[in-house]
Protein backbone atom coordinates (compact mmCIF):
# COMPACT_ATOMS: atom_id res chain seq x y z
CA GLN A 1 118.38 130.79 65.56
CA ILE A 2 118.03 128.93 68.78
CA ILE A 3 116.59 129.85 71.98
CA LEU A 4 116.48 127.76 75.38
CA LEU A 5 113.69 128.67 77.76
CA THR A 6 112.99 126.26 80.81
CA LYS A 7 109.56 125.68 81.77
CA THR A 8 108.77 128.76 83.85
CA PHE A 9 108.75 130.39 80.41
CA GLY A 10 105.72 128.29 79.05
CA ARG A 11 102.76 129.89 80.77
CA GLY A 12 102.23 133.97 80.54
CA THR A 13 105.00 135.25 78.65
CA ASP A 14 104.46 136.24 75.03
CA PHE A 15 107.51 135.81 72.11
CA ILE A 16 107.69 138.73 70.24
CA CYS A 17 109.67 138.59 66.95
CA TYR A 18 110.55 141.45 64.84
CA ASP A 19 111.89 139.42 62.29
CA GLU A 20 110.49 139.33 59.20
CA LYS A 21 111.95 136.14 57.78
CA LEU A 22 110.97 134.24 60.76
CA THR A 23 107.69 135.21 59.84
CA GLU A 24 108.28 134.31 56.40
CA ASN A 25 109.85 130.85 57.32
CA GLY A 26 106.73 129.72 59.32
CA GLY A 27 107.16 131.60 62.77
CA ILE A 28 108.74 130.11 65.95
CA HIS A 29 108.87 126.88 66.71
CA VAL A 30 108.24 125.64 70.01
CA ILE A 31 110.00 122.04 71.26
CA GLN A 32 108.43 121.14 74.67
CA THR A 33 110.82 118.39 76.35
CA PHE A 34 108.28 117.36 79.41
CA ILE A 35 105.13 116.17 80.07
CA SER A 36 102.05 118.57 81.24
CA GLU A 37 99.82 116.96 84.12
CA ASP A 38 97.65 119.97 82.96
CA ILE A 39 96.15 119.86 79.52
CA LEU A 40 96.05 124.12 79.87
CA GLU A 41 99.52 124.31 80.52
CA GLU A 42 100.08 122.43 77.19
CA ILE A 43 97.78 124.71 75.38
CA GLN A 44 99.65 127.86 76.58
CA ILE A 45 103.10 126.98 75.55
CA GLN A 46 101.37 125.47 71.94
CA GLY A 47 100.40 129.16 72.25
CA ARG A 48 103.86 130.68 72.37
CA THR A 49 103.72 129.53 68.87
CA ALA A 50 101.86 132.14 67.28
CA ARG A 51 101.03 135.01 69.49
CA GLN A 52 99.04 138.22 67.60
CA GLY A 53 97.60 135.97 64.62
CA ASN A 54 100.97 134.99 63.56
CA HIS A 55 102.02 131.82 62.14
CA GLY A 56 104.00 129.38 64.22
CA SER A 57 104.40 125.58 64.46
CA TYR A 58 104.97 122.84 67.73
CA SER A 59 106.47 119.48 68.68
CA ILE A 60 106.91 117.34 71.61
CA ILE A 61 109.81 115.72 72.11
CA LEU A 62 109.96 112.90 75.47
CA ARG A 63 111.49 110.27 76.86
CA VAL A 64 110.81 107.27 77.46
CA ARG A 65 111.11 107.27 81.23
CA ASP A 66 109.03 110.42 81.35
CA LEU A 67 106.10 108.24 79.57
CA GLU A 68 106.23 105.65 83.17
CA LYS A 69 104.48 107.75 84.87
CA PHE A 70 101.36 107.53 82.68
CA ARG A 71 102.22 103.81 82.93
CA ILE A 72 103.04 103.89 79.52
CA LYS A 73 106.16 101.09 79.00
CA ASN A 74 108.39 100.57 76.18
CA ILE A 75 106.23 97.50 75.02
CA ASP A 76 103.36 99.89 74.81
CA ILE A 77 105.59 102.33 72.34
CA GLU A 78 106.31 99.06 70.15
CA ASN A 79 102.69 97.80 69.71
CA PHE A 80 102.53 101.34 68.56
CA LYS A 81 105.36 101.59 66.28
CA ASN A 82 104.32 98.07 64.46
CA ALA A 83 100.38 99.36 64.50
CA LYS A 84 99.41 96.64 66.75
CA GLU A 85 96.75 97.23 69.40
CA ILE A 86 97.34 98.51 72.81
CA LEU A 87 95.84 96.97 76.30
CA SER A 88 93.97 99.95 77.54
CA GLN A 89 91.51 99.77 80.78
CA ILE A 90 88.09 101.24 80.32
CA SER A 91 86.51 99.88 84.05
CA ASP A 92 87.68 98.43 86.64
CA MET A 93 86.90 95.02 85.29
CA VAL A 94 86.92 95.53 81.86
CA ARG A 95 90.15 95.51 79.64
CA ILE A 96 90.50 96.37 75.94
CA SER A 97 92.78 96.36 73.23
CA LYS A 98 92.68 99.48 71.31
CA THR A 99 94.04 101.29 68.19
CA TYR A 100 95.60 104.71 69.10
CA HIS A 101 96.57 106.77 65.28
CA THR A 102 99.18 108.45 67.23
CA ILE A 103 101.55 108.31 70.88
CA TYR A 104 99.81 111.63 71.50
CA GLU A 105 96.55 110.07 71.71
CA PHE A 106 97.66 107.43 73.70
CA LEU A 107 99.34 109.52 76.56
CA TYR A 108 96.20 111.98 76.25
CA GLU A 109 94.09 109.40 77.25
CA ARG A 110 96.86 108.05 80.37
CA ARG A 111 96.62 111.67 81.62
CA ASN A 112 93.13 112.32 81.46
CA ASN A 113 92.95 109.21 83.62
CA LEU A 114 95.83 110.49 86.02
CA LEU A 115 94.10 113.64 86.24
CA LYS A 116 90.62 111.74 87.28
CA ILE A 117 92.67 110.10 90.06
CA LYS A 118 94.03 112.62 91.45
CA TYR A 119 90.76 114.66 91.25
CA ASP A 120 89.07 111.77 93.12
CA ILE A 121 91.90 111.92 95.57
CA ASN A 122 91.50 115.51 96.72
CA LYS A 123 87.74 115.34 96.28
CA GLU A 124 88.37 112.23 99.28
CA TYR A 125 90.14 114.36 101.34
CA ILE A 126 88.09 117.36 101.04
CA TYR A 127 85.71 115.38 103.46
CA TYR A 128 88.59 115.05 105.71
CA ALA A 129 90.08 118.60 105.73
CA LYS A 130 86.32 119.76 106.33
CA GLU A 131 86.09 117.22 109.61
CA LYS A 132 89.47 118.55 110.57
CA HIS A 133 88.03 122.52 110.34
CA TYR A 134 84.99 121.76 112.39
CA ILE A 135 87.34 120.38 115.24
CA ALA A 136 89.71 123.14 115.12
CA LYS A 137 86.50 125.74 115.07
CA LYS A 138 85.51 124.14 118.43
CA PHE A 139 88.78 124.12 119.65
CA LEU A 140 88.81 127.69 118.30
CA SER A 141 85.65 128.21 120.44
CA ASN A 142 86.41 126.43 123.71
CA LEU A 143 89.51 128.30 123.78
CA ILE A 144 87.83 131.64 123.85
CA SER A 145 84.99 130.91 126.33
CA GLY A 146 88.17 129.78 128.45
CA ASN A 147 87.06 126.08 128.70
CA ILE A 148 90.69 125.38 130.13
CA ASP A 149 89.95 121.70 130.66
CA PHE A 150 88.57 121.31 127.44
CA VAL A 151 91.78 123.44 125.86
CA LYS A 152 94.26 120.95 127.94
CA ASP A 153 92.91 117.79 127.01
CA PHE A 154 92.50 118.63 123.32
CA LEU A 155 96.39 119.75 123.49
CA PHE A 156 97.58 116.56 125.20
CA HIS A 157 95.81 114.14 122.34
CA GLU A 158 96.98 116.19 119.41
CA ASN A 159 100.22 116.81 120.76
CA LYS A 160 101.10 113.59 122.30
CA GLY A 161 104.20 111.79 120.54
CA VAL A 162 104.77 107.98 120.37
CA GLU A 163 104.86 106.26 123.08
CA GLY A 164 107.14 102.92 123.83
CA SER A 165 103.91 100.61 124.95
CA TYR A 166 103.56 99.44 121.42
CA VAL A 167 102.54 95.80 120.27
CA SER A 168 102.77 96.21 116.71
CA ARG A 169 105.40 97.88 114.47
CA THR A 170 104.78 98.30 110.76
CA ILE A 171 107.50 99.42 108.26
CA CYS A 172 105.74 100.16 105.03
CA LEU A 173 108.09 99.98 102.52
CA ILE A 174 107.37 101.68 98.83
CA ASP A 175 108.66 101.47 95.83
CA ALA A 176 109.83 104.84 94.14
CA SER A 177 110.08 104.60 90.62
CA SER A 178 108.22 106.78 88.27
CA SER A 179 105.78 104.31 87.43
CA MET A 180 104.45 104.29 90.97
CA TYR A 181 103.57 108.37 91.10
CA CYS A 182 100.26 107.89 91.18
CA LEU A 183 100.54 105.35 94.37
CA LEU A 184 102.94 107.83 96.05
CA HIS A 185 100.17 110.57 95.39
CA LYS A 186 97.68 108.53 97.09
CA CYS A 187 99.56 108.26 100.12
CA LYS A 188 100.03 111.60 100.60
CA LYS A 189 96.76 112.24 100.97
CA THR A 190 95.32 109.06 102.58
CA VAL A 191 97.53 109.07 105.63
CA ASP A 192 95.29 110.79 107.41
CA ILE A 193 92.17 108.62 106.72
CA MET A 194 94.27 105.52 107.23
CA LEU A 195 95.39 106.26 110.87
CA GLU A 196 92.42 107.94 112.32
CA ARG A 197 90.43 104.82 111.31
CA ILE A 198 92.99 102.66 112.43
CA SER A 199 92.43 104.46 115.71
CA GLU A 200 88.84 104.23 115.57
CA ILE A 201 88.57 100.71 115.39
CA LEU A 202 91.07 99.95 118.19
CA LYS A 203 88.70 102.55 120.46
CA CYS A 204 85.72 100.45 119.56
CA PHE A 205 87.69 97.12 121.08
CA ASN A 206 88.78 99.31 124.24
CA LEU A 207 92.08 99.26 122.75
CA THR A 208 94.55 102.58 122.85
CA SER A 209 95.81 103.98 119.97
CA ASP A 210 99.69 103.73 121.49
CA LEU A 211 99.59 99.84 120.34
CA PHE A 212 100.81 100.91 116.76
CA GLN A 213 103.57 102.51 115.20
CA ILE A 214 104.35 102.92 111.44
CA GLN A 215 107.36 104.08 109.66
CA PHE A 216 107.29 105.07 105.93
CA VAL A 217 110.09 104.22 104.14
CA VAL A 218 110.91 104.57 100.35
CA TYR A 219 113.23 102.83 98.41
CA GLN A 220 115.21 103.91 94.94
CA ASN A 221 118.19 102.61 93.50
CA TYR A 222 122.39 103.11 93.42
CA ASN A 223 121.70 105.86 90.86
CA HIS A 224 120.98 107.76 93.98
CA LYS A 225 123.67 108.68 96.88
CA GLU A 226 123.43 107.59 100.48
CA ASP A 227 121.06 110.44 101.63
CA GLU A 228 118.17 109.50 98.79
CA ILE A 229 118.81 105.88 98.07
CA LEU A 230 116.50 105.13 100.82
CA LYS A 231 114.33 107.95 102.56
CA ILE A 232 113.20 106.99 106.39
CA SER A 233 110.15 108.41 107.76
CA PRO A 234 109.98 108.86 112.20
CA TRP A 235 107.84 106.31 113.80
CA GLU A 236 104.42 107.67 114.08
CA THR A 237 100.72 107.05 115.03
CA LYS A 238 99.62 110.30 113.81
CA SER A 239 99.18 111.30 110.09
CA ASP A 240 101.01 115.13 110.14
CA ASN A 241 104.78 113.93 110.15
CA LEU A 242 103.62 111.09 107.77
CA ARG A 243 102.55 113.17 105.23
CA VAL A 244 105.48 116.08 105.42
CA PHE A 245 107.53 112.99 104.57
CA MET A 246 105.58 111.89 101.82
CA ASN A 247 105.51 115.25 100.29
CA SER A 248 109.33 115.28 100.23
CA ILE A 249 109.76 112.73 98.16
CA GLU A 250 110.60 112.51 94.21
CA ILE A 251 110.24 109.45 92.33
CA ASP A 252 113.22 107.80 90.44
CA LYS A 253 113.05 108.01 86.58
CA ASP A 254 115.58 105.01 86.37
CA GLY A 255 114.15 101.56 85.09
CA GLY A 256 114.75 98.40 85.93
CA ASN A 257 115.26 96.24 89.19
CA LYS A 258 115.11 98.63 92.14
CA ALA A 259 117.38 98.14 95.54
CA ILE A 260 114.77 96.09 97.61
CA GLU A 261 117.23 94.68 99.30
CA ILE A 262 118.29 97.97 101.02
CA GLY A 263 114.93 98.04 102.59
CA LEU A 264 114.87 94.82 103.76
CA CYS A 265 118.22 95.96 105.30
CA HIS A 266 116.55 98.51 107.34
CA ALA A 267 113.67 96.61 108.24
CA ASN A 268 116.47 94.01 109.92
CA GLN A 269 117.74 96.63 111.85
CA GLU A 270 114.66 98.25 113.88
CA ASN A 271 112.50 96.65 116.06
CA ILE A 272 109.04 95.92 114.03
CA THR A 273 106.13 92.78 113.95
CA GLN A 274 105.81 92.99 110.19
CA VAL A 275 106.61 94.67 106.98
CA ILE A 276 104.33 96.05 104.52
CA LEU A 277 106.02 95.92 101.16
CA ILE A 278 104.06 97.67 97.46
CA GLY A 279 106.16 97.63 94.43
CA ASN A 280 106.34 96.96 90.79
CA THR A 281 109.62 95.89 90.33
CA SER A 282 111.98 93.39 90.89
CA PRO A 283 114.77 92.97 93.55
CA ASN A 284 118.33 93.42 92.38
CA THR A 285 120.03 90.46 91.56
CA GLN A 286 123.31 89.74 93.12
CA LYS A 287 124.82 91.17 89.55
CA ASP A 288 122.57 93.99 89.74
CA VAL A 289 123.98 95.11 93.14
CA TYR A 290 127.56 94.94 92.22
CA GLU A 291 127.39 96.50 88.47
CA LYS A 292 124.87 99.36 90.06
CA ARG A 293 127.35 99.87 93.38
CA ASN A 294 129.80 101.22 90.52
CA TYR A 295 127.92 103.98 89.68
CA TYR A 296 129.51 106.18 92.44
CA THR A 297 132.05 103.09 93.32
CA GLU A 298 132.74 101.31 96.12
CA ASN A 299 135.18 103.58 97.19
CA TYR A 300 131.91 105.74 97.78
CA TRP A 301 129.40 103.21 99.40
CA LYS A 302 132.36 102.17 102.11
CA HIS A 303 132.32 105.69 104.21
CA THR A 304 128.65 105.13 104.15
CA LYS A 305 126.03 103.18 106.25
CA PHE A 306 125.46 100.75 102.94
CA ALA A 307 128.97 99.82 103.00
CA ARG A 308 128.55 96.09 103.19
CA PRO A 309 126.44 94.76 99.69
CA THR A 310 123.73 92.94 100.65
CA TYR A 311 121.40 90.63 98.43
CA TYR A 312 117.41 90.55 99.10
CA GLN A 313 117.00 86.93 99.99
CA GLN A 314 119.90 87.18 102.52
CA GLU A 315 117.87 89.90 103.96
CA LEU A 316 114.54 87.77 103.94
CA GLU A 317 116.62 84.79 105.69
CA LYS A 318 116.87 87.49 108.77
CA LEU A 319 113.82 88.46 108.67
CA ARG A 320 112.54 84.69 108.54
CA ALA A 321 114.89 83.78 111.23
CA TYR A 322 112.85 86.51 113.55
CA LYS A 323 109.51 85.27 112.34
CA ILE A 324 108.85 88.97 111.07
CA PRO A 325 106.63 88.64 107.69
CA VAL A 326 106.73 90.51 104.65
CA GLN A 327 103.17 91.34 103.33
CA THR A 328 103.55 92.35 99.57
CA PHE A 329 101.08 94.12 97.28
CA PHE A 330 102.57 94.12 93.70
CA VAL A 331 101.19 96.64 90.94
CA GLU A 332 102.50 94.73 87.89
CA GLN A 333 101.67 91.06 86.96
CA GLN A 334 105.03 90.40 85.74
CA VAL A 335 106.39 91.03 89.27
CA GLU A 336 103.88 88.32 91.23
CA GLU A 337 106.60 85.50 91.21
CA VAL A 338 109.07 87.57 93.21
CA PHE A 339 106.78 88.93 95.08
CA LYS A 340 105.13 86.31 96.29
CA GLU A 341 108.32 84.45 96.89
CA ILE A 342 109.09 86.93 99.60
CA ALA A 343 105.83 86.65 101.05
CA GLN A 344 105.93 83.16 101.60
CA LYS A 345 109.90 82.98 102.69
CA THR A 346 108.31 84.90 105.46
CA GLY A 347 104.95 83.51 105.78
CA GLY A 348 103.24 86.80 105.17
CA ARG A 349 100.47 87.31 102.58
CA TYR A 350 100.77 88.60 99.00
CA GLU A 351 98.14 90.33 96.70
CA MET A 352 97.91 92.28 93.34
CA PHE A 353 96.85 95.96 94.04
CA ASP A 354 95.27 97.55 90.64
CA ILE A 355 96.53 100.91 90.40
CA ASN A 356 94.32 101.80 87.67
CA SER A 357 91.25 100.84 89.42
CA SER A 358 88.53 103.54 90.44
CA SER A 359 88.57 102.72 94.38
CA SER A 360 92.20 102.48 94.50
CA LEU A 361 92.13 105.05 96.93
CA HIS A 362 90.18 103.16 99.25
CA MET A 363 92.17 99.94 98.61
CA LEU A 364 95.11 101.56 99.49
CA THR A 365 93.73 102.70 102.56
CA ASP A 366 92.39 99.66 103.71
CA LEU A 367 95.00 97.10 102.68
CA ILE A 368 97.38 98.76 104.85
CA ALA A 369 94.92 99.69 107.62
CA GLN A 370 93.61 95.87 107.75
CA GLU A 371 96.90 94.65 107.93
CA ILE A 372 98.29 97.15 110.85
CA LEU A 373 94.89 96.08 112.32
CA ARG A 374 95.56 92.47 111.83
CA ASN A 375 99.06 92.66 113.05
CA VAL A 376 97.65 94.57 116.49
CA GLY A 377 95.30 92.11 117.22
CA GLY A 378 97.57 88.86 116.52
CA SER A 379 95.88 85.94 116.58
CA SER A 380 93.37 85.97 119.21
CA LYS A 381 91.83 89.68 118.03
CA GLY A 382 93.79 90.53 114.60
CA ASP A 383 90.58 88.90 112.65
CA ALA A 384 87.73 90.72 114.80
CA LEU A 385 89.62 93.78 114.22
CA VAL A 386 89.65 93.48 110.71
CA GLU A 387 86.01 92.59 110.24
CA ALA A 388 85.03 95.38 112.34
CA TYR A 389 86.85 97.64 110.22
CA ARG A 390 85.21 96.17 107.08
CA SER A 391 81.88 96.18 108.65
CA LYS A 392 82.41 99.91 109.62
CA TYR A 393 84.05 101.46 106.21
CA ASN A 394 81.54 98.82 103.99
CA ARG A 395 85.10 97.22 102.03
CA ASN A 396 84.92 93.81 101.11
CA TYR A 397 88.89 93.28 99.97
CA THR A 398 91.02 90.77 101.41
């Protein structure tokens, strides 16, 4: 007898079986078909197999795509099958080749690394939340005491929307593939810190935060429909709406190249001053574009805003014509050449972003903040703004 139950039943649910034959044959066998981010959840699911001291067994069956979230690739699995060593990072600067006895042992280590990163992110965010809590208490105190001038000034600045007096407009274009899960999570937590730091530096130079606007754009591929292939946030100078937007993003478990061309096409339709591209997959080739659009057929796409197929090279030519630089940051070494090409064709910078580094949370905050400050300041003040940022927040990244 086989019973299929969803993830919900894995925790806090007892399986009671009165069939003695089942017990005689070894008890309940539980097959888990997803990865538990929390080891405690996995232990509880295993516990469904042997309640009240009865016998039971457990196994886990996963798709390779599910492993990408933990930065486990096909080549790692093949190396394991062939008893080869697997490259593993043990610190920011040290990477070693290591032999694992089971693929689960490898997954267990990667899962713990991801949990540590998420813990560090949340710990960093707590400091920011404490500051916001203090500000909220100060506002409440002034509200109760009847300090109307303070209350008016606070509410004016807190609810002030985007104005048209910008000199810098940045689209932050992000890959939503499953191996970018960790980075997307970091974006949710760092956007508050990032925008606050930019505003602080601008204040030091007697510049208003209205001088910049940022938009997050997350791209996927043609196995997603019109409303999913490209997710676009509002233009913002504050973090609240951007954080809500990032919370709505779901990762794409489909492997292969991604529709960067769709993101660049959107950038060409906006009045912007630069693009920051962060990803770990190459753009679709022209052949990819036509083949992948057939997932929903051209008959579907012709009724959408993506009716006309495009190619990333075509979009780069348009950006170059308008002198819009694309600053590229690649997560995987294998896409370095194409990200370098994108940056150089548009007069942008390119750099590798080490998503596994213990300081990657700060690096993500810093790289976006510094590019925006460099863009706001232009040729006259850009370098000075970046130097002020590095001095204030004690970072040494380029």
